[in-house]
N, C-alpha and C. Protein backbone atom coordinates (compact mmCIF):
# COMPACT_ATOMS: atom_id res chain seq x y z
N MET A 1 -78.64 114.55 120.31
CA MET A 1 -77.24 114.33 120.59
C MET A 1 -76.94 112.83 120.59
N ARG A 2 -77.79 112.09 121.28
CA ARG A 2 -77.61 110.64 121.36
C ARG A 2 -77.71 110.01 119.98
N GLN A 3 -78.62 110.50 119.17
CA GLN A 3 -78.80 109.97 117.81
C GLN A 3 -77.54 110.22 116.98
N MET A 4 -76.95 111.41 117.10
CA MET A 4 -75.71 111.70 116.37
C MET A 4 -74.60 110.77 116.82
N TYR A 5 -74.51 110.57 118.11
CA TYR A 5 -73.49 109.68 118.66
C TYR A 5 -73.69 108.26 118.15
N THR A 6 -74.91 107.79 118.18
CA THR A 6 -75.22 106.43 117.72
C THR A 6 -74.90 106.27 116.24
N GLU A 7 -75.27 107.24 115.43
CA GLU A 7 -74.98 107.18 114.00
C GLU A 7 -73.48 107.20 113.74
N PHE A 8 -72.79 108.05 114.47
CA PHE A 8 -71.34 108.13 114.29
C PHE A 8 -70.68 106.81 114.68
N MET A 9 -71.07 106.25 115.80
CA MET A 9 -70.49 104.98 116.25
C MET A 9 -70.78 103.88 115.23
N LYS A 10 -71.99 103.86 114.67
CA LYS A 10 -72.34 102.85 113.67
C LYS A 10 -71.46 103.00 112.43
N SER A 11 -71.31 104.23 111.95
CA SER A 11 -70.50 104.44 110.75
C SER A 11 -69.03 104.12 111.02
N THR A 12 -68.56 104.43 112.21
CA THR A 12 -67.18 104.11 112.57
C THR A 12 -66.97 102.60 112.60
N LYS A 13 -67.89 101.89 113.22
CA LYS A 13 -67.79 100.43 113.28
C LYS A 13 -67.83 99.83 111.88
N ASP A 14 -68.72 100.35 111.03
CA ASP A 14 -68.80 99.85 109.65
C ASP A 14 -67.49 100.09 108.90
N SER A 15 -66.90 101.28 109.08
CA SER A 15 -65.64 101.59 108.40
C SER A 15 -64.51 100.70 108.89
N LEU A 16 -64.45 100.51 110.19
CA LEU A 16 -63.41 99.65 110.74
C LEU A 16 -63.61 98.20 110.32
N GLY A 17 -64.86 97.77 110.24
CA GLY A 17 -65.15 96.41 109.76
C GLY A 17 -64.70 96.23 108.32
N ALA A 18 -64.95 97.25 107.49
CA ALA A 18 -64.52 97.18 106.09
C ALA A 18 -63.00 97.13 106.01
N LEU A 19 -62.33 97.91 106.84
CA LEU A 19 -60.86 97.89 106.86
C LEU A 19 -60.34 96.52 107.28
N ARG A 20 -60.96 95.91 108.28
CA ARG A 20 -60.54 94.58 108.72
C ARG A 20 -60.71 93.56 107.60
N THR A 21 -61.84 93.64 106.91
CA THR A 21 -62.11 92.72 105.80
C THR A 21 -61.06 92.88 104.71
N GLN A 22 -60.76 94.12 104.36
CA GLN A 22 -59.76 94.38 103.32
C GLN A 22 -58.38 93.90 103.77
N THR A 23 -58.05 94.10 105.04
CA THR A 23 -56.76 93.65 105.56
C THR A 23 -56.66 92.13 105.47
N GLN A 24 -57.73 91.44 105.83
CA GLN A 24 -57.74 89.98 105.74
C GLN A 24 -57.54 89.51 104.30
N SER A 25 -58.21 90.16 103.36
CA SER A 25 -58.07 89.74 101.97
C SER A 25 -56.64 89.98 101.47
N VAL A 26 -56.03 91.08 101.90
CA VAL A 26 -54.64 91.35 101.51
C VAL A 26 -53.72 90.30 102.11
N LYS A 27 -53.94 89.94 103.37
CA LYS A 27 -53.12 88.91 104.02
C LYS A 27 -53.26 87.58 103.29
N GLN A 28 -54.48 87.23 102.89
CA GLN A 28 -54.69 85.98 102.17
C GLN A 28 -53.98 86.00 100.83
N LEU A 29 -54.07 87.11 100.12
CA LEU A 29 -53.39 87.21 98.82
C LEU A 29 -51.88 87.12 98.99
N ALA A 30 -51.36 87.71 100.05
CA ALA A 30 -49.92 87.69 100.28
C ALA A 30 -49.43 86.28 100.60
N SER A 31 -50.27 85.48 101.23
CA SER A 31 -49.83 84.14 101.62
C SER A 31 -49.97 83.12 100.50
N VAL A 32 -50.74 83.44 99.47
CA VAL A 32 -50.93 82.53 98.35
C VAL A 32 -49.67 82.50 97.49
N LYS A 33 -49.32 81.32 97.00
CA LYS A 33 -48.14 81.20 96.16
C LYS A 33 -48.34 81.98 94.87
N VAL A 34 -47.28 82.64 94.44
CA VAL A 34 -47.34 83.44 93.23
C VAL A 34 -47.56 82.52 92.03
N GLY A 35 -48.46 82.89 91.19
CA GLY A 35 -48.74 82.08 90.02
C GLY A 35 -48.86 82.95 88.80
N GLY A 36 -49.39 82.37 87.76
CA GLY A 36 -49.65 83.14 86.55
C GLY A 36 -48.39 83.64 85.90
N ALA A 37 -48.45 84.88 85.47
CA ALA A 37 -47.35 85.46 84.72
C ALA A 37 -46.07 85.57 85.56
N ARG A 38 -46.21 85.90 86.85
CA ARG A 38 -45.02 86.02 87.69
C ARG A 38 -44.35 84.66 87.84
N GLY A 39 -45.14 83.60 88.00
CA GLY A 39 -44.58 82.25 88.09
C GLY A 39 -43.85 81.88 86.81
N PHE A 40 -44.43 82.27 85.67
CA PHE A 40 -43.81 82.02 84.37
C PHE A 40 -42.46 82.72 84.29
N ILE A 41 -42.39 83.96 84.76
CA ILE A 41 -41.12 84.70 84.72
C ILE A 41 -40.10 84.04 85.65
N ASP A 42 -40.53 83.67 86.85
CA ASP A 42 -39.60 83.06 87.80
C ASP A 42 -39.04 81.74 87.26
N GLN A 43 -39.90 80.93 86.67
CA GLN A 43 -39.42 79.68 86.08
C GLN A 43 -38.49 79.95 84.90
N GLY A 44 -38.87 80.94 84.10
CA GLY A 44 -38.05 81.29 82.94
C GLY A 44 -36.68 81.81 83.35
N LYS A 45 -36.62 82.60 84.42
CA LYS A 45 -35.33 83.11 84.91
C LYS A 45 -34.43 81.96 85.34
N THR A 46 -35.01 81.00 86.06
CA THR A 46 -34.23 79.86 86.54
C THR A 46 -33.69 79.07 85.35
N LYS A 47 -34.55 78.80 84.39
CA LYS A 47 -34.15 78.02 83.22
C LYS A 47 -33.10 78.77 82.40
N LEU A 48 -33.33 80.07 82.20
CA LEU A 48 -32.40 80.88 81.41
C LEU A 48 -31.04 80.97 82.10
N ASP A 49 -31.04 81.14 83.41
CA ASP A 49 -29.78 81.21 84.15
C ASP A 49 -29.03 79.89 84.04
N SER A 50 -29.74 78.79 84.15
CA SER A 50 -29.10 77.47 84.05
C SER A 50 -28.49 77.26 82.66
N ARG A 51 -29.25 77.59 81.64
CA ARG A 51 -28.73 77.43 80.27
C ARG A 51 -27.53 78.33 80.04
N SER A 52 -27.60 79.56 80.52
CA SER A 52 -26.49 80.51 80.33
C SER A 52 -25.24 80.01 81.04
N GLN A 53 -25.40 79.50 82.25
CA GLN A 53 -24.25 78.98 83.00
C GLN A 53 -23.63 77.78 82.28
N ASN A 54 -24.48 76.92 81.71
CA ASN A 54 -23.97 75.76 80.96
C ASN A 54 -23.16 76.20 79.75
N VAL A 55 -23.68 77.19 79.03
CA VAL A 55 -22.96 77.69 77.84
C VAL A 55 -21.67 78.36 78.27
N LEU A 56 -21.70 79.10 79.36
CA LEU A 56 -20.50 79.75 79.87
C LEU A 56 -19.42 78.72 80.19
N THR A 57 -19.81 77.67 80.89
CA THR A 57 -18.85 76.61 81.24
C THR A 57 -18.30 75.95 79.98
N LYS A 58 -19.18 75.67 79.03
CA LYS A 58 -18.77 75.04 77.78
C LYS A 58 -17.81 75.95 77.01
N MET A 59 -18.11 77.25 76.99
CA MET A 59 -17.25 78.21 76.29
C MET A 59 -15.87 78.29 76.95
N GLU A 60 -15.83 78.30 78.27
CA GLU A 60 -14.54 78.37 78.97
C GLU A 60 -13.70 77.14 78.67
N GLU A 61 -14.33 75.98 78.69
CA GLU A 61 -13.61 74.74 78.37
C GLU A 61 -13.12 74.77 76.93
N LEU A 62 -13.97 75.23 76.02
CA LEU A 62 -13.62 75.30 74.60
C LEU A 62 -12.47 76.29 74.38
N GLN A 63 -12.50 77.43 75.07
CA GLN A 63 -11.42 78.40 74.95
C GLN A 63 -10.09 77.80 75.43
N ASP A 64 -10.15 77.11 76.56
CA ASP A 64 -8.93 76.46 77.07
C ASP A 64 -8.39 75.45 76.07
N THR A 65 -9.26 74.66 75.48
CA THR A 65 -8.86 73.63 74.52
C THR A 65 -8.24 74.27 73.27
N VAL A 66 -8.89 75.33 72.76
CA VAL A 66 -8.39 75.99 71.55
C VAL A 66 -7.05 76.67 71.84
N GLU A 67 -6.88 77.28 73.01
CA GLU A 67 -5.60 77.89 73.35
C GLU A 67 -4.49 76.85 73.46
N ALA A 68 -4.83 75.70 74.04
CA ALA A 68 -3.84 74.61 74.13
C ALA A 68 -3.49 74.11 72.73
N LEU A 69 -4.48 74.01 71.86
CA LEU A 69 -4.26 73.58 70.48
C LEU A 69 -3.37 74.60 69.76
N ARG A 70 -3.63 75.86 69.95
CA ARG A 70 -2.83 76.92 69.32
C ARG A 70 -1.38 76.84 69.79
N ASP A 71 -1.20 76.63 71.09
CA ASP A 71 0.17 76.51 71.62
C ASP A 71 0.87 75.30 71.01
N ASP A 72 0.15 74.19 70.89
CA ASP A 72 0.74 72.99 70.29
C ASP A 72 1.17 73.25 68.85
N VAL A 73 0.31 73.91 68.09
CA VAL A 73 0.57 74.13 66.67
C VAL A 73 1.67 75.20 66.47
N LEU A 74 1.57 76.31 67.17
CA LEU A 74 2.49 77.42 66.92
C LEU A 74 3.81 77.31 67.69
N LYS A 75 3.77 76.90 68.93
CA LYS A 75 4.99 76.90 69.74
C LYS A 75 5.72 75.56 69.70
N ARG A 76 4.98 74.50 69.77
CA ARG A 76 5.61 73.18 69.84
C ARG A 76 5.70 72.51 68.46
N HIS A 77 5.07 73.11 67.48
CA HIS A 77 5.05 72.58 66.11
C HIS A 77 4.53 71.14 66.07
N ILE A 78 3.50 70.91 66.84
CA ILE A 78 2.88 69.58 66.88
C ILE A 78 1.54 69.67 66.15
N SER A 79 1.29 68.73 65.30
CA SER A 79 -0.01 68.67 64.62
C SER A 79 -0.97 67.85 65.48
N PRO A 80 -2.15 68.40 65.75
CA PRO A 80 -3.11 67.65 66.57
C PRO A 80 -3.70 66.48 65.80
N LYS A 81 -4.23 65.55 66.54
CA LYS A 81 -4.90 64.41 65.90
C LYS A 81 -6.16 64.92 65.21
N PRO A 82 -6.47 64.34 64.04
CA PRO A 82 -7.68 64.76 63.31
C PRO A 82 -8.95 64.59 64.17
N GLN A 83 -8.91 63.63 65.01
CA GLN A 83 -10.03 63.34 65.90
C GLN A 83 -10.27 64.54 66.85
N LEU A 84 -9.19 65.13 67.37
CA LEU A 84 -9.31 66.28 68.27
C LEU A 84 -9.84 67.50 67.52
N VAL A 85 -9.32 67.71 66.31
CA VAL A 85 -9.79 68.85 65.50
C VAL A 85 -11.28 68.70 65.21
N LYS A 86 -11.70 67.48 64.87
CA LYS A 86 -13.11 67.23 64.58
C LYS A 86 -13.97 67.49 65.82
N GLN A 87 -13.50 67.06 66.97
CA GLN A 87 -14.25 67.26 68.22
C GLN A 87 -14.38 68.75 68.54
N ILE A 88 -13.30 69.50 68.33
CA ILE A 88 -13.35 70.95 68.58
C ILE A 88 -14.34 71.62 67.63
N GLN A 89 -14.33 71.20 66.36
CA GLN A 89 -15.29 71.76 65.39
C GLN A 89 -16.72 71.48 65.81
N GLU A 90 -16.98 70.27 66.29
CA GLU A 90 -18.32 69.91 66.73
C GLU A 90 -18.73 70.73 67.96
N ASP A 91 -17.78 70.91 68.89
CA ASP A 91 -18.06 71.71 70.08
C ASP A 91 -18.35 73.17 69.73
N ILE A 92 -17.58 73.69 68.77
CA ILE A 92 -17.79 75.07 68.32
C ILE A 92 -19.18 75.19 67.69
N ALA A 93 -19.55 74.24 66.88
CA ALA A 93 -20.86 74.27 66.23
C ALA A 93 -21.99 74.14 67.25
N SER A 94 -21.85 73.24 68.21
CA SER A 94 -22.92 73.06 69.20
C SER A 94 -23.04 74.28 70.11
N THR A 95 -21.91 74.91 70.41
CA THR A 95 -21.94 76.13 71.22
C THR A 95 -22.63 77.25 70.44
N ALA A 96 -22.32 77.38 69.17
CA ALA A 96 -22.97 78.40 68.34
C ALA A 96 -24.48 78.17 68.28
N THR A 97 -24.87 76.89 68.15
CA THR A 97 -26.29 76.56 68.12
C THR A 97 -26.98 76.94 69.43
N GLU A 98 -26.34 76.63 70.54
CA GLU A 98 -26.91 76.96 71.85
C GLU A 98 -26.99 78.47 72.05
N LEU A 99 -25.97 79.21 71.62
CA LEU A 99 -26.00 80.66 71.74
C LEU A 99 -27.15 81.26 70.91
N THR A 100 -27.33 80.74 69.70
CA THR A 100 -28.43 81.19 68.85
C THR A 100 -29.77 80.86 69.50
N SER A 101 -29.87 79.67 70.06
CA SER A 101 -31.10 79.26 70.73
C SER A 101 -31.41 80.16 71.92
N LEU A 102 -30.38 80.49 72.70
CA LEU A 102 -30.57 81.39 73.84
C LEU A 102 -31.03 82.77 73.39
N LYS A 103 -30.42 83.28 72.33
CA LYS A 103 -30.82 84.59 71.81
C LYS A 103 -32.27 84.57 71.35
N GLU A 104 -32.67 83.52 70.64
CA GLU A 104 -34.06 83.41 70.19
C GLU A 104 -35.02 83.31 71.38
N HIS A 105 -34.61 82.57 72.40
CA HIS A 105 -35.45 82.43 73.60
C HIS A 105 -35.65 83.79 74.28
N ILE A 106 -34.56 84.55 74.42
CA ILE A 106 -34.65 85.87 75.04
C ILE A 106 -35.53 86.79 74.20
N ASP A 107 -35.36 86.74 72.89
CA ASP A 107 -36.19 87.57 72.01
C ASP A 107 -37.67 87.19 72.12
N THR A 108 -37.94 85.93 72.39
CA THR A 108 -39.32 85.45 72.51
C THR A 108 -39.93 85.87 73.85
N VAL A 109 -39.19 85.71 74.94
CA VAL A 109 -39.77 85.98 76.26
C VAL A 109 -39.76 87.45 76.63
N ARG A 110 -38.89 88.25 76.03
CA ARG A 110 -38.80 89.66 76.40
C ARG A 110 -40.15 90.38 76.32
N PRO A 111 -40.91 90.29 75.22
CA PRO A 111 -42.20 91.01 75.19
C PRO A 111 -43.18 90.51 76.26
N MET A 112 -43.19 89.22 76.52
CA MET A 112 -44.10 88.69 77.54
C MET A 112 -43.70 89.19 78.93
N TRP A 113 -42.41 89.17 79.20
CA TRP A 113 -41.93 89.64 80.50
C TRP A 113 -42.21 91.13 80.67
N LYS A 114 -41.98 91.90 79.61
CA LYS A 114 -42.23 93.33 79.69
C LYS A 114 -43.70 93.61 79.99
N LYS A 115 -44.59 92.86 79.35
CA LYS A 115 -46.03 93.03 79.58
C LYS A 115 -46.36 92.72 81.05
N THR A 116 -45.78 91.65 81.57
CA THR A 116 -46.01 91.29 82.97
C THR A 116 -45.49 92.38 83.88
N TRP A 117 -44.30 92.90 83.60
CA TRP A 117 -43.73 93.96 84.41
C TRP A 117 -44.64 95.20 84.41
N GLU A 118 -45.19 95.54 83.23
CA GLU A 118 -46.09 96.69 83.13
C GLU A 118 -47.33 96.48 84.00
N GLU A 119 -47.89 95.26 83.93
CA GLU A 119 -49.09 94.96 84.73
C GLU A 119 -48.77 95.01 86.22
N GLU A 120 -47.62 94.45 86.60
CA GLU A 120 -47.24 94.48 88.01
C GLU A 120 -47.01 95.90 88.49
N LEU A 121 -46.40 96.71 87.64
CA LEU A 121 -46.16 98.11 88.01
C LEU A 121 -47.49 98.84 88.18
N GLN A 122 -48.43 98.58 87.29
CA GLN A 122 -49.75 99.20 87.39
C GLN A 122 -50.44 98.78 88.68
N ASN A 123 -50.32 97.50 89.03
CA ASN A 123 -50.90 97.01 90.28
C ASN A 123 -50.25 97.69 91.49
N ILE A 124 -48.94 97.87 91.42
CA ILE A 124 -48.23 98.53 92.53
C ILE A 124 -48.74 99.96 92.69
N VAL A 125 -48.89 100.66 91.58
CA VAL A 125 -49.37 102.05 91.64
C VAL A 125 -50.78 102.08 92.23
N GLU A 126 -51.64 101.16 91.80
CA GLU A 126 -53.00 101.11 92.33
C GLU A 126 -53.00 100.78 93.82
N GLU A 127 -52.16 99.85 94.23
CA GLU A 127 -52.09 99.49 95.64
C GLU A 127 -51.56 100.64 96.48
N GLN A 128 -50.60 101.39 95.95
CA GLN A 128 -50.10 102.56 96.67
C GLN A 128 -51.20 103.60 96.83
N GLY A 129 -51.99 103.80 95.78
CA GLY A 129 -53.12 104.72 95.85
C GLY A 129 -54.14 104.25 96.87
N PHE A 130 -54.43 102.95 96.87
CA PHE A 130 -55.38 102.38 97.83
C PHE A 130 -54.88 102.61 99.25
N LEU A 131 -53.61 102.33 99.49
CA LEU A 131 -53.05 102.50 100.83
C LEU A 131 -53.09 103.97 101.25
N GLY A 132 -52.78 104.86 100.34
CA GLY A 132 -52.85 106.30 100.65
C GLY A 132 -54.26 106.71 101.02
N HIS A 133 -55.24 106.20 100.27
CA HIS A 133 -56.65 106.48 100.56
C HIS A 133 -57.01 105.95 101.95
N GLN A 134 -56.54 104.75 102.27
CA GLN A 134 -56.84 104.16 103.58
C GLN A 134 -56.20 104.97 104.70
N GLU A 135 -55.00 105.47 104.47
CA GLU A 135 -54.34 106.31 105.48
C GLU A 135 -55.12 107.60 105.71
N GLU A 136 -55.61 108.21 104.62
CA GLU A 136 -56.42 109.42 104.75
C GLU A 136 -57.71 109.13 105.50
N LEU A 137 -58.34 108.01 105.17
CA LEU A 137 -59.57 107.62 105.85
C LEU A 137 -59.32 107.41 107.33
N LEU A 138 -58.23 106.74 107.65
CA LEU A 138 -57.90 106.50 109.05
C LEU A 138 -57.65 107.81 109.78
N THR A 139 -56.94 108.74 109.15
CA THR A 139 -56.70 110.05 109.76
C THR A 139 -58.02 110.75 110.03
N ASP A 140 -58.93 110.73 109.05
CA ASP A 140 -60.25 111.34 109.24
C ASP A 140 -61.01 110.67 110.37
N LEU A 141 -60.95 109.35 110.43
CA LEU A 141 -61.66 108.62 111.49
C LEU A 141 -61.09 108.96 112.86
N ILE A 142 -59.78 109.08 112.95
CA ILE A 142 -59.16 109.44 114.23
C ILE A 142 -59.62 110.83 114.67
N GLU A 143 -59.65 111.78 113.72
CA GLU A 143 -60.12 113.13 114.04
C GLU A 143 -61.58 113.11 114.46
N ASP A 144 -62.40 112.35 113.72
CA ASP A 144 -63.82 112.22 114.07
C ASP A 144 -63.98 111.60 115.45
N HIS A 145 -63.15 110.63 115.76
CA HIS A 145 -63.23 109.98 117.07
C HIS A 145 -62.90 110.98 118.18
N LYS A 146 -61.87 111.80 117.97
CA LYS A 146 -61.52 112.82 118.96
C LYS A 146 -62.69 113.78 119.17
N ALA A 147 -63.31 114.20 118.06
CA ALA A 147 -64.45 115.11 118.16
C ALA A 147 -65.61 114.42 118.89
N LEU A 148 -65.81 113.15 118.60
CA LEU A 148 -66.87 112.39 119.25
C LEU A 148 -66.65 112.32 120.75
N VAL A 149 -65.41 112.03 121.15
CA VAL A 149 -65.08 111.95 122.57
C VAL A 149 -65.34 113.30 123.24
N GLU A 150 -64.97 114.37 122.56
CA GLU A 150 -65.19 115.71 123.11
C GLU A 150 -66.68 116.01 123.26
N ILE A 151 -67.46 115.71 122.23
CA ILE A 151 -68.91 115.94 122.28
C ILE A 151 -69.53 115.09 123.38
N PHE A 152 -69.12 113.85 123.47
CA PHE A 152 -69.66 112.97 124.50
C PHE A 152 -69.30 113.48 125.88
N GLY A 153 -68.08 113.99 126.05
CA GLY A 153 -67.68 114.58 127.33
C GLY A 153 -68.56 115.76 127.70
N HIS A 154 -68.86 116.62 126.71
CA HIS A 154 -69.74 117.76 126.97
C HIS A 154 -71.14 117.28 127.35
N ALA A 155 -71.61 116.26 126.63
CA ALA A 155 -72.95 115.73 126.93
C ALA A 155 -72.98 115.16 128.35
N GLU A 156 -71.92 114.46 128.75
CA GLU A 156 -71.86 113.91 130.10
C GLU A 156 -71.88 115.03 131.15
N LYS A 157 -71.20 116.13 130.87
CA LYS A 157 -71.19 117.26 131.80
C LYS A 157 -72.58 117.85 131.94
N VAL A 158 -73.26 118.01 130.76
CA VAL A 158 -74.62 118.55 130.80
C VAL A 158 -75.52 117.64 131.60
N ILE A 159 -75.38 116.32 131.38
CA ILE A 159 -76.20 115.35 132.10
C ILE A 159 -75.90 115.42 133.59
N SER A 160 -74.65 115.53 133.96
CA SER A 160 -74.30 115.58 135.39
C SER A 160 -74.78 116.88 136.03
N ILE A 161 -74.73 117.99 135.30
CA ILE A 161 -75.21 119.27 135.83
C ILE A 161 -76.72 119.21 136.04
N ARG A 162 -77.46 118.65 135.08
CA ARG A 162 -78.90 118.55 135.18
C ARG A 162 -79.30 117.57 136.30
N GLY A 163 -78.50 116.55 136.46
CA GLY A 163 -78.83 115.52 137.44
C GLY A 163 -78.64 115.98 138.86
N THR A 164 -77.85 117.00 139.08
CA THR A 164 -77.59 117.42 140.48
C THR A 164 -78.44 118.56 140.92
C-alpha cells in the first residue's frame, strides 16, 4: 500500500513539475517581442496604411482642385493658367503612379501574409489541442488525487485499528 502511495505521489509530482515547466516556457514566449513573419506583417500594415492615407489625402486635394477648375471653365468661363493645368496633369500622373505602386505592393505581400496567417492558424490549432490535453490530464490527476486521499484514509483507519 505504501509503495503504491509513494509511486503515485512521485508520478503526480513529476506531472505537476512538467506542467510548471511548460507554463514557464509559455509565459516566456508570451513576453518576448513578436518577430519574424508577424513582425514583417505588422510593419507592412503600418507602412501600407500610411501610404494609403497619403494617397487618399492627395486624391481628395486633387478632386477639389479639378472641381474648382471645372467650375472656372464651365460656369465662370475662365481659362486657367497653363501652369495650373500642367501642375494638375503632373499630380494626376504621380497619383496614378502611386496607386499602381500600391497595387503591386499588395499583390506582392498578399501571398507572404497568407502563408504567415496559415502558419499562425496552424499554431493556434496545435496550442488549443495542447491546452485541451493539459485540461484532460489535470482532470485525471484531480480524480487520481481524490482516489489517493481515499485510499490513504482507509490505510490510516486500518493502522489506527491495528494500533489500538
